[in-house]
Amino acid sequence: MGDPSRVAILQHLLLGEHTVSELTKHLGLAQSTVSKHLACLRDCGLVDSRPVGRSSVFSLTHRGAVLKVLAAAEELLAATGDAVTLCRVHGVGAEK
């Protein structure tokens, strides 16, 4: 998760399953970039895929763990004075 693009992909997959094409459109990243990061996340066991027609649909394998890691990162950044909200839905300071 050491790359902001991977964090963005994980955040988006928290919303549900997506194809590479959908992630590319939503995140404004190149298809090759999204594919590369999804391969890394799959190799780490954070993301899984299943074929649907000619595409693959990607989803999180450990949604709860990803939420905890993102929340911990937000808490650490807030404690060091670099407060940010990594996730508008689930993050520190998110509207509930």
N, C-alpha and C. Protein backbone atom coordinates (compact mmCIF):
# COMPACT_ATOMS: atom_id res chain seq x y z
N MET A 1 0.83 -1.20 0.00
CA MET A 1 0.00 0.00 0.00
C MET A 1 0.86 1.25 0.00
N GLY A 2 2.12 1.12 -0.35
CA GLY A 2 3.04 2.23 -0.31
C GLY A 2 2.89 3.22 -1.44
N ASP A 3 1.87 3.12 -2.23
CA ASP A 3 1.67 4.03 -3.35
C ASP A 3 0.26 4.62 -3.26
N PRO A 4 0.13 5.93 -3.44
CA PRO A 4 -1.19 6.55 -3.35
C PRO A 4 -2.21 5.95 -4.31
N SER A 5 -1.76 5.49 -5.46
CA SER A 5 -2.69 4.87 -6.42
C SER A 5 -3.27 3.58 -5.86
N ARG A 6 -2.45 2.80 -5.18
CA ARG A 6 -2.95 1.55 -4.58
C ARG A 6 -3.96 1.86 -3.48
N VAL A 7 -3.67 2.88 -2.69
CA VAL A 7 -4.61 3.27 -1.64
C VAL A 7 -5.93 3.71 -2.27
N ALA A 8 -5.86 4.49 -3.34
CA ALA A 8 -7.08 4.95 -4.02
C ALA A 8 -7.87 3.77 -4.58
N ILE A 9 -7.18 2.79 -5.13
CA ILE A 9 -7.85 1.59 -5.65
C ILE A 9 -8.54 0.84 -4.52
N LEU A 10 -7.84 0.66 -3.41
CA LEU A 10 -8.44 -0.02 -2.26
C LEU A 10 -9.66 0.73 -1.75
N GLN A 11 -9.56 2.05 -1.67
CA GLN A 11 -10.70 2.85 -1.23
C GLN A 11 -11.89 2.65 -2.15
N HIS A 12 -11.62 2.63 -3.44
CA HIS A 12 -12.71 2.48 -4.39
C HIS A 12 -13.33 1.08 -4.31
N LEU A 13 -12.49 0.08 -4.09
CA LEU A 13 -13.01 -1.28 -3.96
C LEU A 13 -13.80 -1.48 -2.67
N LEU A 14 -13.62 -0.58 -1.70
CA LEU A 14 -14.46 -0.62 -0.50
C LEU A 14 -15.93 -0.37 -0.86
N LEU A 15 -16.15 0.32 -1.97
CA LEU A 15 -17.50 0.63 -2.42
C LEU A 15 -18.15 -0.55 -3.13
N GLY A 16 -17.34 -1.52 -3.55
CA GLY A 16 -17.87 -2.69 -4.26
C GLY A 16 -16.94 -3.14 -5.36
N GLU A 17 -17.37 -4.16 -6.08
CA GLU A 17 -16.57 -4.73 -7.16
C GLU A 17 -16.46 -3.76 -8.33
N HIS A 18 -15.29 -3.80 -9.01
CA HIS A 18 -15.07 -2.95 -10.18
C HIS A 18 -14.18 -3.65 -11.18
N THR A 19 -14.36 -3.31 -12.45
CA THR A 19 -13.45 -3.76 -13.49
C THR A 19 -12.30 -2.77 -13.60
N VAL A 20 -11.26 -3.16 -14.32
CA VAL A 20 -10.14 -2.24 -14.55
C VAL A 20 -10.65 -0.99 -15.25
N SER A 21 -11.52 -1.17 -16.23
CA SER A 21 -12.06 -0.04 -16.98
C SER A 21 -12.80 0.93 -16.07
N GLU A 22 -13.61 0.41 -15.17
CA GLU A 22 -14.34 1.27 -14.23
C GLU A 22 -13.38 2.01 -13.31
N LEU A 23 -12.39 1.32 -12.79
CA LEU A 23 -11.42 1.97 -11.91
C LEU A 23 -10.65 3.05 -12.66
N THR A 24 -10.31 2.78 -13.90
CA THR A 24 -9.59 3.75 -14.73
C THR A 24 -10.41 5.03 -14.86
N LYS A 25 -11.70 4.87 -15.16
CA LYS A 25 -12.58 6.03 -15.32
C LYS A 25 -12.77 6.78 -14.01
N HIS A 26 -13.03 6.05 -12.93
CA HIS A 26 -13.30 6.69 -11.64
C HIS A 26 -12.08 7.39 -11.06
N LEU A 27 -10.90 6.81 -11.25
CA LEU A 27 -9.70 7.33 -10.60
C LEU A 27 -8.85 8.22 -11.50
N GLY A 28 -9.15 8.23 -12.80
CA GLY A 28 -8.38 9.06 -13.72
C GLY A 28 -6.96 8.56 -13.93
N LEU A 29 -6.76 7.26 -13.78
CA LEU A 29 -5.44 6.66 -13.96
C LEU A 29 -5.40 5.90 -15.27
N ALA A 30 -4.21 5.70 -15.80
CA ALA A 30 -4.05 4.92 -17.02
C ALA A 30 -4.39 3.46 -16.76
N GLN A 31 -4.89 2.79 -17.79
CA GLN A 31 -5.24 1.38 -17.66
C GLN A 31 -4.05 0.55 -17.22
N SER A 32 -2.88 0.85 -17.77
CA SER A 32 -1.68 0.08 -17.40
C SER A 32 -1.32 0.29 -15.94
N THR A 33 -1.53 1.50 -15.43
CA THR A 33 -1.25 1.80 -14.02
C THR A 33 -2.18 1.02 -13.11
N VAL A 34 -3.47 1.05 -13.42
CA VAL A 34 -4.46 0.33 -12.61
C VAL A 34 -4.17 -1.16 -12.64
N SER A 35 -3.88 -1.70 -13.82
CA SER A 35 -3.60 -3.14 -13.94
C SER A 35 -2.36 -3.53 -13.13
N LYS A 36 -1.33 -2.69 -13.20
CA LYS A 36 -0.09 -2.97 -12.46
C LYS A 36 -0.35 -2.98 -10.95
N HIS A 37 -1.10 -2.01 -10.46
CA HIS A 37 -1.37 -1.93 -9.03
C HIS A 37 -2.31 -3.05 -8.58
N LEU A 38 -3.28 -3.41 -9.41
CA LEU A 38 -4.16 -4.53 -9.05
C LEU A 38 -3.38 -5.83 -8.97
N ALA A 39 -2.42 -6.02 -9.87
CA ALA A 39 -1.58 -7.22 -9.83
C ALA A 39 -0.79 -7.26 -8.53
N CYS A 40 -0.26 -6.13 -8.11
CA CYS A 40 0.49 -6.04 -6.85
C CYS A 40 -0.43 -6.36 -5.67
N LEU A 41 -1.61 -5.77 -5.66
CA LEU A 41 -2.56 -5.99 -4.57
C LEU A 41 -3.04 -7.44 -4.55
N ARG A 42 -3.19 -8.04 -5.72
CA ARG A 42 -3.58 -9.46 -5.79
C ARG A 42 -2.46 -10.34 -5.26
N ASP A 43 -1.21 -10.02 -5.64
CA ASP A 43 -0.06 -10.79 -5.15
C ASP A 43 0.06 -10.72 -3.63
N CYS A 44 -0.36 -9.60 -3.05
CA CYS A 44 -0.32 -9.41 -1.60
C CYS A 44 -1.51 -10.07 -0.90
N GLY A 45 -2.47 -10.53 -1.67
CA GLY A 45 -3.65 -11.17 -1.09
C GLY A 45 -4.74 -10.22 -0.65
N LEU A 46 -4.65 -8.94 -1.06
CA LEU A 46 -5.66 -7.96 -0.66
C LEU A 46 -6.83 -7.88 -1.62
N VAL A 47 -6.61 -8.31 -2.87
CA VAL A 47 -7.60 -8.20 -3.93
C VAL A 47 -7.74 -9.55 -4.62
N ASP A 48 -8.95 -9.85 -5.04
CA ASP A 48 -9.21 -11.05 -5.82
C ASP A 48 -9.97 -10.63 -7.07
N SER A 49 -9.98 -11.51 -8.06
CA SER A 49 -10.71 -11.21 -9.29
C SER A 49 -11.46 -12.44 -9.75
N ARG A 50 -12.50 -12.18 -10.53
CA ARG A 50 -13.25 -13.26 -11.15
C ARG A 50 -13.63 -12.81 -12.56
N PRO A 51 -13.62 -13.75 -13.50
CA PRO A 51 -13.95 -13.39 -14.88
C PRO A 51 -15.44 -13.13 -15.04
N VAL A 52 -15.75 -12.09 -15.80
CA VAL A 52 -17.12 -11.78 -16.19
C VAL A 52 -17.06 -11.40 -17.66
N GLY A 53 -17.50 -12.29 -18.51
CA GLY A 53 -17.39 -12.04 -19.95
C GLY A 53 -15.93 -11.94 -20.34
N ARG A 54 -15.60 -10.85 -21.02
CA ARG A 54 -14.22 -10.63 -21.45
C ARG A 54 -13.41 -9.82 -20.45
N SER A 55 -14.02 -9.46 -19.34
CA SER A 55 -13.36 -8.65 -18.32
C SER A 55 -13.17 -9.44 -17.04
N SER A 56 -12.44 -8.85 -16.13
CA SER A 56 -12.31 -9.38 -14.77
C SER A 56 -12.86 -8.35 -13.81
N VAL A 57 -13.57 -8.83 -12.81
CA VAL A 57 -14.13 -7.97 -11.78
C VAL A 57 -13.28 -8.16 -10.53
N PHE A 58 -12.84 -7.05 -9.95
CA PHE A 58 -11.96 -7.09 -8.78
C PHE A 58 -12.72 -6.72 -7.52
N SER A 59 -12.34 -7.36 -6.43
CA SER A 59 -12.96 -7.08 -5.13
C SER A 59 -11.92 -7.27 -4.03
N LEU A 60 -12.22 -6.75 -2.86
CA LEU A 60 -11.34 -6.91 -1.71
C LEU A 60 -11.50 -8.30 -1.12
N THR A 61 -10.41 -8.88 -0.67
CA THR A 61 -10.48 -10.19 -0.02
C THR A 61 -10.68 -10.04 1.49
N HIS A 62 -10.23 -8.94 2.06
CA HIS A 62 -10.30 -8.71 3.51
C HIS A 62 -10.79 -7.29 3.77
N ARG A 63 -12.05 -7.03 3.48
CA ARG A 63 -12.60 -5.68 3.59
C ARG A 63 -12.39 -5.08 4.98
N GLY A 64 -12.69 -5.84 6.01
CA GLY A 64 -12.55 -5.35 7.38
C GLY A 64 -11.12 -4.97 7.71
N ALA A 65 -10.17 -5.77 7.27
CA ALA A 65 -8.76 -5.48 7.53
C ALA A 65 -8.32 -4.22 6.80
N VAL A 66 -8.78 -4.05 5.57
CA VAL A 66 -8.43 -2.84 4.80
C VAL A 66 -8.98 -1.61 5.50
N LEU A 67 -10.22 -1.68 5.98
CA LEU A 67 -10.80 -0.56 6.72
C LEU A 67 -9.96 -0.22 7.95
N LYS A 68 -9.53 -1.24 8.68
CA LYS A 68 -8.72 -1.01 9.88
C LYS A 68 -7.38 -0.38 9.54
N VAL A 69 -6.74 -0.84 8.49
CA VAL A 69 -5.44 -0.29 8.10
C VAL A 69 -5.59 1.17 7.67
N LEU A 70 -6.60 1.48 6.87
CA LEU A 70 -6.81 2.86 6.45
C LEU A 70 -7.13 3.76 7.64
N ALA A 71 -7.94 3.26 8.58
CA ALA A 71 -8.26 4.04 9.78
C ALA A 71 -7.02 4.27 10.63
N ALA A 72 -6.17 3.24 10.76
CA ALA A 72 -4.94 3.39 11.54
C ALA A 72 -4.01 4.40 10.89
N ALA A 73 -3.93 4.38 9.57
CA ALA A 73 -3.08 5.34 8.86
C ALA A 73 -3.59 6.76 9.08
N GLU A 74 -4.90 6.94 9.02
CA GLU A 74 -5.47 8.26 9.25
C GLU A 74 -5.20 8.73 10.67
N GLU A 75 -5.32 7.84 11.64
CA GLU A 75 -5.07 8.18 13.04
C GLU A 75 -3.61 8.58 13.24
N LEU A 76 -2.70 7.84 12.64
CA LEU A 76 -1.28 8.15 12.75
C LEU A 76 -0.97 9.51 12.12
N LEU A 77 -1.52 9.76 10.95
CA LEU A 77 -1.29 11.04 10.29
C LEU A 77 -1.86 12.19 11.12
N ALA A 78 -3.03 11.98 11.72
CA ALA A 78 -3.62 13.02 12.56
C ALA A 78 -2.76 13.27 13.79
N ALA A 79 -2.20 12.22 14.38
CA ALA A 79 -1.37 12.35 15.58
C ALA A 79 -0.07 13.07 15.30
N THR A 80 0.43 12.97 14.08
CA THR A 80 1.69 13.62 13.73
C THR A 80 1.48 15.02 13.18
N GLY A 81 0.22 15.46 13.14
CA GLY A 81 -0.06 16.81 12.66
C GLY A 81 -0.28 16.88 11.16
N ASP A 82 -0.30 15.76 10.50
CA ASP A 82 -0.54 15.72 9.06
C ASP A 82 -1.92 15.15 8.79
N ALA A 83 -2.91 15.68 9.48
CA ALA A 83 -4.26 15.13 9.38
C ALA A 83 -4.79 15.20 7.96
N VAL A 84 -5.27 14.10 7.51
CA VAL A 84 -5.95 14.01 6.22
C VAL A 84 -7.08 13.01 6.39
N THR A 85 -8.01 13.06 5.50
CA THR A 85 -9.05 12.05 5.46
C THR A 85 -8.82 11.22 4.22
N LEU A 86 -8.34 10.01 4.40
CA LEU A 86 -8.07 9.13 3.28
C LEU A 86 -9.35 8.60 2.66
N CYS A 87 -10.38 8.53 3.44
CA CYS A 87 -11.63 7.98 2.94
C CYS A 87 -12.79 8.82 3.46
N ARG A 88 -13.52 9.44 2.55
CA ARG A 88 -14.63 10.31 2.95
C ARG A 88 -15.74 9.52 3.64
N VAL A 89 -15.84 8.24 3.37
CA VAL A 89 -16.94 7.44 3.91
C VAL A 89 -16.61 6.87 5.28
N HIS A 90 -15.39 6.30 5.43
CA HIS A 90 -15.06 5.58 6.65
C HIS A 90 -13.95 6.23 7.47
N GLY A 91 -13.32 7.26 6.97
CA GLY A 91 -12.14 7.82 7.61
C GLY A 91 -12.43 8.70 8.80
N VAL A 92 -11.34 9.06 9.51
CA VAL A 92 -11.42 9.97 10.63
C VAL A 92 -12.04 11.27 10.12
N GLY A 93 -13.04 11.77 10.79
CA GLY A 93 -13.69 12.99 10.37
C GLY A 93 -14.73 12.78 9.28
N ALA A 94 -14.99 11.54 8.94
CA ALA A 94 -15.98 11.26 7.90
C ALA A 94 -17.37 11.61 8.42
N GLU A 95 -18.20 12.01 7.50
CA GLU A 95 -19.59 12.29 7.86
C GLU A 95 -20.29 10.96 8.10
N LYS A 96 -20.87 10.82 9.26
CA LYS A 96 -21.54 9.56 9.62
C LYS A 96 -23.02 9.67 9.41
